[in-house]
Amino acid sequence: MSFFKSFDWITLIIYIMLVVMGWFTINAASYTFDNASIFDFSRPSGKQAVWFGLSVFLIILLLCIDAKTYMGWAPFIYIGMMILLLVTIFIGTNINGSHSWIKIGTFSIQPAEFGKFSTSLMVAWLFSQYGFKFTNPMDFAKVCLVVILPVILIILQNETGSALVYFSLILLFYRQGLSGVFLWGVFCAILIFVLGVKYSVEPLPDGVVLGKDEVAPPSMRGEHLVLAIIPFLTASMLWGYAGNAAAAIRLALISLVVLIAYKVVKRYVEIPAEILPYFTFRIVGQSLCVGSIIYALWRWIYDNKREYLLVAAFAIGFIAFQYSVGYAFHNVLKDHQRGRIEILLGMKEDLKGDGYNVNQAKIAIGSGGIIGKGYLQGTQTKLSYVPEQETDFIFCTIGEEKGFIGTSFLLLTYLVLILRIIVIAERQRTIFAQVYSYCVACIFMFHVFINVGMVIGLVPVIGIPLPFFSYGGSGLWSFTILLFIMLKLDASRIERY
């Protein structure tokens, strides 16, 4: 009886709401005016109904397993899943260029989706070990290894979107004591990437937009901008992390004076021809960056504080990242991945190629207006103008049929679910249950933000499902397992395990 009293029925109700709404939305996205039944097993909605029915038995099984079993078996579940991910690289079926699917009869499963709950269990298991300290370098390295391993295996399956989900756990690490300097480092890396890529080509004249096969002339502006801001990013860390405001202001002022002096001399002073090749912004910027590193190292030696050493390490990392960005963007990313980023940053427009999906999704959402066109009344989705509208781009179906009110209600429902998960995490009595619950919150938050963001053009298209809405049994089961293991741990929190 205590289980039913302690079980979080609110989360269960939200789960059922989302799954049912998702099922009807999948039916709407695949509906073609042929009056086919929502239970037609040849259609996505009928197949999703089967997966939902099987999910009921899965939920019962998850809730019947003793809570202590999840903790005790976490390493074995993780190892088994890593082996499955490794095997998938070699036996996976090629679907849209990805080798992350295993066919079983008429159905296909994606092991990468199930890696999320096994990694979450393993991370929670590590945090719950006696003597574990997240701030200890060895313990920190163990957690990072557990998270990075599935990322590598999934990338080898050519499934970048699913791999990126694991990086959402950095929010958990921050909650568990990770210094804010690492989050600042992530922000700086994003800033360097955007500036380095966006301004790596010459600006186009007003009204001129590059087509699919056109390439703008290369430019040094991106590198110059990044080299100019790295000393100031280093100064911000001297102030915020090392706590030395005077040193930060000194470095920032010197860097600013040098940059201004360079511009003045370059414009008003005639430079001798033999010196001119060495008097470039690139050399000045590189010198300032090296000077910032030397200054941080000198403060480390002078003040004997290891914080300065970390600041110097981050400055070195910023410089290395700057020069790796260009190579990775042009030589590692595939054409369609590079094209999506260029479109997002406004570097080109390709409404018939890489930008087609997002453009059609925006049209569908915009056509819904405030209240939408009504259930099964959408034209953009019914006429299949939006590719992948049953999976990655299903949010546009909601926007067209339910309008601003419907999409707002859905996002509010997701917000309530995520906040509820955080409440559940905070009331846990064991580190294992708390850490696992926060892992679930991070994963759900990442999926919702990235999926909706890519549909409306705020982030690049990376192809991850919207929880409980996107068509697919693997995704539905993955999120169901994540959620109901947490609910089982929460319902058993009155016990000592």
Foldseek 3Di string as FASTA:
>chain_A
DLLVVLFDVVLVVLLVVLLVVLLLLLCLLFDQPPPDDLCPCVGLSVVSVVLVVVLVVVLVVLLPDALVCLLVCLVVLLVVLLVVLQVQLPQADQDVNFSQWDDDPPAIAGSLLQNLLSLLSVLLNLVQDPPQDCPPPVSVVVNVCSLVSSLVSRVSRVQNLSSVLSVLCVVLVVVRPDDCVVVLLVVLLVVLLLLLPLQQFDDDPPPDFDEDPDDGHGDCRSVLVLLLCLQLSLLVLCCPPVVDPPLSVVLVVVSVVLVVVLVCCVPPPDDDPVCVVVSDSNNSSVVSLVVSLVSLVVCCVVVVDCSSVVSSVSSVVSVVSNVVSVCCLVPVDDSLQNVLVCVLSRVHDYCPPSVVQLVLLQVLLVQLAAAAPARSRGDSSSVPSHPLCQWLSVLSSQSHHGNPVRSVVVVVSLVVSLVVLQVLLVPAPGSSLNSLSVSLSSSLVVQQCVSVCCNNSNDGDSGDGNQSNHRDSNRPSSNSSSVSSSSSSSSCRVDDD
